Amino acid sequence: MKYYGTVDFHAHPVDGVFRREMEFLGLDPMAEDGFPLPDWSATAHLEFMEEAGIDYTVLTVPTPHIHNGDDEKSCASARRINESTSKLCAEHPEKFGFAAVLPLPCVDGAIKETAYAMDTLGTVGVKVVTNNSGVYLGDPSFDPLMQELDRRGALVIIHPCRARQRPENVITGKVAALYEYPADTTRAVLNMIAHRIMTRFPKIRFVVPHTGSFLPYMLGRFTGVSGILASMGMMETVDAAEKFRHLYFDIAGDPEPVALDMLRAVADDSHIVYGSDFPHSPGKVVTAKKKHLETDEKYRGFVDEIYKENAAKLLSANNGKENT
């Protein structure tokens, strides 16, 4: 097993190519997410990693999602972004890997990009967003892509995206990171559970962001309400807890003092990995949170597990040849 040291599964390259593709697609980050794209460079990211004690980072491009309603343009953007990120990683192979962005909801394009990214660019996996122009993960239209990802035993990193419809006269509807991101992550994963994605495609290794978002709370509620609905013939019976156990979770955001304990109550420690959310979370803030986590007595022993052991197992699964 290759030694990776401390691995970051949630960080974003906001390079010039990504910014140009946003312009090409006519996407405005402020209009989409209520938050500007932060400054970023590979040099600054490497300096942050050194200061924070991070040995290896799996890069995924941030939101806005690249699909603008035009399949052809979105597929072309995905290709240019993935080739740019691949070049960056090739320049720093001991520090960076990446999960390729896919042009969903264009399923045919996403399957082609998966093959190119994994077979030619050497990506460690793919990145998908919670909803793709309003089509959520778990939607049956995505099953052909899920079949291909399952065949490959792919690592699939989920990232939130704002809902296409949301109330904008409240603070939670203005800045997506405040509420819409965790809400949409929860919405997407519950949809995946309801459609038995983890059971039907068991070789895919999904990584859910932000300490599980609202899922630790919603797991019990979904189990109870779905049981009532199933008894009324309004949906099929589903074992939510069993499907939940297939998922992995990064701890980007604010895992202490509450979120991480809630996640550990419903997820196995072996399925939790580290995430920084750099550069959207400032380096000094991330480093301070990381050091606090490392000095909290109740996490003694657990920290090395999520930083290194779990990460190494997840990355060394080798596209499905070894599955945890």
Protein backbone atom coordinates (compact mmCIF):
# COMPACT_ATOMS: atom_id res chain seq x y z
CA MET A 1 0.00 0.00 0.00
CA LYS A 2 1.41 3.36 -0.99
CA TYR A 3 2.06 5.71 1.91
CA TYR A 4 0.20 8.98 1.46
CA GLY A 5 0.53 10.54 4.93
CA THR A 6 -2.22 13.03 5.78
CA VAL A 7 -4.68 13.30 2.87
CA ASP A 8 -7.11 16.13 2.12
CA PHE A 9 -10.18 14.97 0.17
CA HIS A 10 -11.89 18.36 -0.08
CA ALA A 11 -9.93 21.19 -1.71
CA HIS A 12 -10.36 23.18 -4.90
CA PRO A 13 -8.03 24.48 -7.63
CA VAL A 14 -9.40 27.85 -8.73
CA ASP A 15 -7.00 28.43 -11.58
CA GLY A 16 -7.20 30.63 -14.65
CA VAL A 17 -8.63 27.86 -16.80
CA PHE A 18 -11.59 27.34 -14.47
CA ARG A 19 -12.24 31.09 -14.36
CA ARG A 20 -12.12 31.32 -18.17
CA GLU A 21 -14.51 28.40 -18.49
CA MET A 22 -16.98 30.16 -16.21
CA GLU A 23 -16.90 33.09 -18.65
CA PHE A 24 -17.17 30.74 -21.65
CA LEU A 25 -20.26 29.13 -20.13
CA GLY A 26 -21.77 32.43 -19.04
CA LEU A 27 -21.78 31.44 -15.38
CA ASP A 28 -21.38 34.07 -12.65
CA PRO A 29 -20.16 32.62 -9.32
CA MET A 30 -21.65 35.50 -7.34
CA ALA A 31 -25.05 35.07 -8.99
CA GLU A 32 -24.92 31.29 -8.60
CA ASP A 33 -23.61 30.95 -5.04
CA GLY A 34 -23.57 34.41 -3.49
CA PHE A 35 -19.85 34.00 -2.90
CA PRO A 36 -16.91 35.07 -5.09
CA LEU A 37 -14.25 32.66 -6.27
CA PRO A 38 -11.28 33.01 -3.90
CA ASP A 39 -7.74 33.76 -4.99
CA TRP A 40 -5.72 30.60 -5.58
CA SER A 41 -2.41 29.40 -6.96
CA ALA A 42 -0.59 26.09 -6.82
CA THR A 43 2.24 27.77 -4.92
CA ALA A 44 -0.13 29.15 -2.29
CA HIS A 45 -1.83 25.76 -1.98
CA LEU A 46 1.47 23.98 -1.44
CA GLU A 47 2.44 26.54 1.19
CA PHE A 48 -0.88 25.97 2.94
CA MET A 49 -0.34 22.21 2.88
CA GLU A 50 3.09 22.61 4.43
CA GLU A 51 1.76 24.84 7.21
CA ALA A 52 -1.28 22.65 7.90
CA GLY A 53 0.62 19.36 7.83
CA ILE A 54 -1.15 17.93 4.78
CA ASP A 55 0.91 15.57 2.62
CA TYR A 56 -1.40 14.89 -0.31
CA THR A 57 -4.53 16.58 -1.71
CA VAL A 58 -7.26 15.25 -3.97
CA LEU A 59 -8.33 18.32 -5.93
CA THR A 60 -11.87 18.88 -7.19
CA VAL A 61 -13.03 22.00 -9.02
CA PRO A 62 -15.49 24.14 -7.05
CA THR A 63 -18.96 25.32 -7.90
CA PRO A 64 -20.55 26.75 -9.97
CA HIS A 65 -21.21 23.46 -11.74
CA ILE A 66 -20.06 23.55 -15.36
CA HIS A 67 -23.35 22.59 -17.03
CA ASN A 68 -25.07 25.70 -18.37
CA GLY A 69 -27.85 23.99 -20.35
CA ASP A 70 -25.68 23.42 -23.41
CA ASP A 71 -24.36 19.83 -23.50
CA GLU A 72 -21.74 20.48 -26.18
CA LYS A 73 -20.22 23.51 -24.47
CA SER A 74 -20.33 21.87 -21.04
CA CYS A 75 -18.59 18.72 -22.30
CA ALA A 76 -15.91 20.85 -23.94
CA SER A 77 -15.40 22.78 -20.69
CA ALA A 78 -15.14 19.58 -18.67
CA ARG A 79 -12.42 18.32 -21.00
CA ARG A 80 -10.38 21.55 -20.82
CA ILE A 81 -10.71 21.78 -17.03
CA ASN A 82 -9.74 18.15 -16.51
CA GLU A 83 -6.74 18.41 -18.81
CA SER A 84 -5.59 21.56 -17.01
CA THR A 85 -5.96 19.95 -13.59
CA SER A 86 -4.18 16.83 -14.82
CA LYS A 87 -1.24 18.95 -15.95
CA LEU A 88 -1.09 20.64 -12.56
CA CYS A 89 -1.05 17.27 -10.80
CA ALA A 90 1.64 15.96 -13.16
CA GLU A 91 3.83 18.87 -12.08
CA HIS A 92 3.40 17.89 -8.40
CA PRO A 93 2.63 14.14 -8.44
CA GLU A 94 3.61 13.57 -4.82
CA LYS A 95 1.33 16.37 -3.62
CA PHE A 96 -1.72 16.47 -5.89
CA GLY A 97 -4.19 14.08 -7.43
CA PHE A 98 -7.62 14.99 -8.71
CA ALA A 99 -11.17 13.82 -9.25
CA ALA A 100 -12.42 14.77 -12.71
CA VAL A 101 -15.46 16.99 -13.17
CA LEU A 102 -18.28 15.47 -15.27
CA PRO A 103 -20.72 17.40 -17.52
CA LEU A 104 -23.90 16.02 -15.95
CA PRO A 105 -26.82 15.89 -16.60
CA CYS A 106 -25.38 14.98 -20.02
CA VAL A 107 -24.98 11.27 -19.22
CA ASP A 108 -23.34 10.23 -22.50
CA GLY A 109 -20.81 13.02 -22.14
CA ALA A 110 -20.19 12.11 -18.51
CA ILE A 111 -19.49 8.47 -19.42
CA LYS A 112 -17.05 9.53 -22.14
CA GLU A 113 -15.31 11.98 -19.80
CA THR A 114 -15.06 9.32 -17.09
CA ALA A 115 -13.26 6.99 -19.50
CA TYR A 116 -10.90 9.71 -20.73
CA ALA A 117 -10.15 11.03 -17.26
CA MET A 118 -9.52 7.66 -15.65
CA ASP A 119 -7.82 5.86 -18.56
CA THR A 120 -5.83 8.70 -20.11
CA LEU A 121 -5.43 11.43 -17.49
CA GLY A 122 -4.94 9.06 -14.56
CA THR A 123 -7.47 10.69 -12.26
CA VAL A 124 -8.12 9.07 -8.87
CA GLY A 125 -11.88 9.32 -9.45
CA VAL A 126 -14.63 11.73 -10.44
CA LYS A 127 -16.47 14.62 -8.84
CA VAL A 128 -20.23 15.03 -9.10
CA VAL A 129 -22.51 17.71 -7.71
CA THR A 130 -25.67 17.15 -5.72
CA ASN A 131 -27.96 18.45 -8.44
CA ASN A 132 -27.18 18.94 -12.07
CA SER A 133 -29.43 21.65 -13.54
CA GLY A 134 -32.11 20.37 -11.17
CA VAL A 135 -31.54 16.64 -11.77
CA TYR A 136 -30.42 15.04 -8.50
CA LEU A 137 -28.04 12.21 -7.77
CA GLY A 138 -30.11 9.04 -7.55
CA ASP A 139 -32.24 10.00 -10.54
CA PRO A 140 -32.83 6.93 -12.76
CA SER A 141 -31.54 8.85 -15.80
CA PHE A 142 -28.06 8.64 -14.25
CA ASP A 143 -28.11 4.82 -13.96
CA PRO A 144 -25.95 4.24 -17.10
CA LEU A 145 -23.22 6.41 -15.58
CA MET A 146 -23.58 4.67 -12.21
CA GLN A 147 -23.17 1.32 -13.98
CA GLU A 148 -19.92 2.49 -15.54
CA LEU A 149 -18.62 3.93 -12.27
CA ASP A 150 -19.56 0.70 -10.50
CA ARG A 151 -17.76 -1.37 -13.14
CA ARG A 152 -14.66 0.67 -12.44
CA GLY A 153 -15.09 0.66 -8.65
CA ALA A 154 -14.68 4.41 -8.90
CA LEU A 155 -14.05 6.92 -6.15
CA VAL A 156 -16.84 9.51 -6.48
CA ILE A 157 -16.54 12.75 -4.54
CA ILE A 158 -19.84 14.57 -4.04
CA HIS A 159 -19.90 18.35 -3.81
CA PRO A 160 -22.93 20.51 -3.02
CA CYS A 161 -24.60 22.78 -5.51
CA ARG A 162 -27.38 25.25 -4.82
CA ALA A 163 -30.92 24.13 -5.50
CA ARG A 164 -32.43 25.51 -8.68
CA GLN A 165 -35.41 26.77 -6.68
CA ARG A 166 -34.98 28.28 -3.24
CA PRO A 167 -36.44 31.13 -1.19
CA GLU A 168 -34.37 34.26 -1.72
CA ASN A 169 -36.08 36.54 0.79
CA VAL A 170 -34.27 34.87 3.72
CA ILE A 171 -30.56 34.80 4.59
CA THR A 172 -30.32 31.05 3.92
CA GLY A 173 -31.26 31.65 0.30
CA LYS A 174 -28.63 34.31 -0.36
CA VAL A 175 -25.25 32.68 0.34
CA ALA A 176 -25.28 29.01 -0.69
CA ALA A 177 -22.52 27.96 1.70
CA LEU A 178 -24.57 29.03 4.72
CA TYR A 179 -27.48 26.60 4.31
CA GLU A 180 -28.12 25.50 0.74
CA TYR A 181 -24.92 23.46 0.46
CA PRO A 182 -25.62 21.15 3.43
CA ALA A 183 -29.34 21.10 2.59
CA ASP A 184 -28.71 20.08 -1.01
CA THR A 185 -26.15 17.46 0.00
CA THR A 186 -28.72 15.96 2.37
CA ARG A 187 -31.43 16.12 -0.31
CA ALA A 188 -29.23 14.35 -2.86
CA VAL A 189 -28.00 11.56 -0.59
CA LEU A 190 -31.52 10.82 0.67
CA ASN A 191 -32.58 10.56 -2.98
CA MET A 192 -29.71 8.12 -3.55
CA ILE A 193 -30.82 6.06 -0.55
CA ALA A 194 -34.43 6.02 -1.74
CA HIS A 195 -33.30 4.76 -5.15
CA ARG A 196 -30.94 2.16 -3.62
CA ILE A 197 -27.89 3.55 -5.40
CA MET A 198 -25.44 2.15 -2.84
CA THR A 199 -27.03 -1.32 -3.03
CA ARG A 200 -27.38 -1.47 -6.80
CA PHE A 201 -23.89 -0.06 -7.42
CA PRO A 202 -21.93 -1.34 -4.40
CA LYS A 203 -18.42 -0.91 -5.84
CA ILE A 204 -18.69 2.88 -6.08
CA ARG A 205 -16.96 4.64 -3.18
CA PHE A 206 -18.97 7.81 -2.53
CA VAL A 207 -17.46 10.57 -0.37
CA VAL A 208 -20.08 12.89 1.17
CA PRO A 209 -18.84 16.38 2.15
CA HIS A 210 -19.03 18.56 5.25
CA THR A 211 -19.23 15.93 8.01
CA GLY A 212 -22.32 14.44 6.41
CA SER A 213 -24.16 17.79 6.28
CA PHE A 214 -27.65 17.29 7.83
CA LEU A 215 -27.62 13.52 7.28
CA PRO A 216 -26.77 12.44 10.86
CA TYR A 217 -30.03 14.05 12.00
CA MET A 218 -32.05 13.08 8.94
CA LEU A 219 -31.10 9.40 8.98
CA GLY A 220 -33.44 8.66 11.90
CA ARG A 221 -36.20 10.89 10.58
CA PHE A 222 -35.96 9.43 7.07
CA THR A 223 -36.11 5.91 8.50
CA GLY A 224 -39.23 6.70 10.49
CA VAL A 225 -41.13 8.65 7.85
CA SER A 226 -40.16 6.33 5.00
CA GLY A 227 -41.44 3.39 7.05
CA ILE A 228 -44.81 5.11 7.42
CA LEU A 229 -44.91 5.91 3.70
CA ALA A 230 -43.98 2.33 2.81
CA SER A 231 -46.80 0.99 5.01
CA MET A 232 -49.20 3.21 3.05
CA GLY A 233 -47.87 2.03 -0.30
CA MET A 234 -46.42 5.45 -1.09
CA MET A 235 -42.84 4.20 -1.49
CA GLU A 236 -40.88 0.97 -1.28
CA THR A 237 -39.37 -0.12 2.01
CA VAL A 238 -35.74 0.92 2.24
CA ASP A 239 -33.10 0.18 4.88
CA ALA A 240 -31.58 3.64 5.13
CA ALA A 241 -29.05 2.73 7.82
CA GLU A 242 -27.68 -0.15 5.76
CA LYS A 243 -27.19 2.05 2.71
CA PHE A 244 -25.67 4.79 4.87
CA ARG A 245 -22.94 2.38 5.94
CA HIS A 246 -21.62 2.24 2.35
CA LEU A 247 -20.82 5.96 2.31
CA TYR A 248 -17.61 7.79 3.22
CA PHE A 249 -17.56 11.28 4.71
CA ASP A 250 -15.07 14.15 4.74
CA ILE A 251 -14.94 16.56 7.69
CA ALA A 252 -14.52 19.83 5.77
CA GLY A 253 -16.15 22.80 7.44
CA ASP A 254 -16.81 22.93 11.17
CA PRO A 255 -16.61 19.39 12.59
CA GLU A 256 -16.23 20.57 16.19
CA PRO A 257 -17.83 20.77 18.66
CA VAL A 258 -21.02 19.04 17.44
CA ALA A 259 -21.01 17.81 13.84
CA LEU A 260 -18.26 15.19 14.07
CA ASP A 261 -19.75 13.58 17.17
CA MET A 262 -23.13 13.39 15.42
CA LEU A 263 -21.54 11.78 12.37
CA ARG A 264 -19.67 9.21 14.48
CA ALA A 265 -22.98 8.23 16.09
CA VAL A 266 -24.29 6.99 12.74
CA ALA A 267 -21.19 6.25 10.61
CA ASP A 268 -18.26 3.92 11.16
CA ASP A 269 -14.96 5.62 12.03
CA SER A 270 -13.28 3.75 9.18
CA HIS A 271 -15.42 5.67 6.67
CA ILE A 272 -14.41 9.19 7.79
CA VAL A 273 -11.62 11.14 6.05
CA TYR A 274 -10.15 14.62 6.27
CA GLY A 275 -11.17 17.67 4.20
CA SER A 276 -9.96 21.28 4.43
CA ASP A 277 -12.16 23.17 1.92
CA PHE A 278 -9.16 25.31 0.97
CA PRO A 279 -9.11 27.98 -0.48
CA HIS A 280 -12.78 28.73 0.19
CA SER A 281 -11.91 28.34 3.87
CA PRO A 282 -8.84 30.53 4.58
CA GLY A 283 -5.63 28.66 5.29
CA LYS A 284 -5.08 30.14 8.75
CA VAL A 285 -8.62 29.23 9.80
CA VAL A 286 -8.25 25.67 8.50
CA THR A 287 -4.90 25.23 10.21
CA ALA A 288 -6.27 26.45 13.55
CA LYS A 289 -9.26 24.09 13.34
CA LYS A 290 -7.00 21.19 12.40
CA LYS A 291 -4.67 21.81 15.33
CA HIS A 292 -7.62 22.04 17.72
CA LEU A 293 -8.92 18.70 16.46
CA GLU A 294 -5.51 17.13 16.95
CA THR A 295 -5.23 18.32 20.56
CA ASP A 296 -8.75 17.30 21.61
CA GLU A 297 -8.28 14.33 23.94
CA LYS A 298 -11.51 12.63 22.88
CA TYR A 299 -10.16 12.24 19.34
CA ARG A 300 -6.84 10.71 20.37
CA GLY A 301 -6.07 7.84 17.98
CA PHE A 302 -9.03 8.69 15.78
CA VAL A 303 -7.22 11.60 14.13
CA ASP A 304 -4.50 9.42 12.60
CA GLU A 305 -7.19 7.04 11.41
CA ILE A 306 -9.05 9.70 9.43
CA TYR A 307 -5.91 11.52 8.28
CA LYS A 308 -3.97 8.49 7.08
CA GLU A 309 -5.35 4.98 7.51
CA ASN A 310 -8.80 5.55 6.04
CA ALA A 311 -7.39 7.77 3.31
CA ALA A 312 -4.80 5.19 2.27
CA LYS A 313 -7.43 2.46 2.04
CA LEU A 314 -9.71 4.68 -0.01
CA LEU A 315 -6.97 5.73 -2.44
CA SER A 316 -5.33 2.32 -2.74
CA ALA A 317 -8.59 0.64 -3.75
CA ASN A 318 -7.16 0.95 -7.26
CA ASN A 319 -10.32 1.53 -9.24
CA GLY A 320 -12.23 -1.36 -7.76
CA LYS A 321 -9.50 -4.02 -7.70
CA GLU A 322 -9.45 -3.73 -3.93
CA ASN A 323 -12.61 -2.51 -2.21
CA THR A 324 -12.93 -1.68 1.48
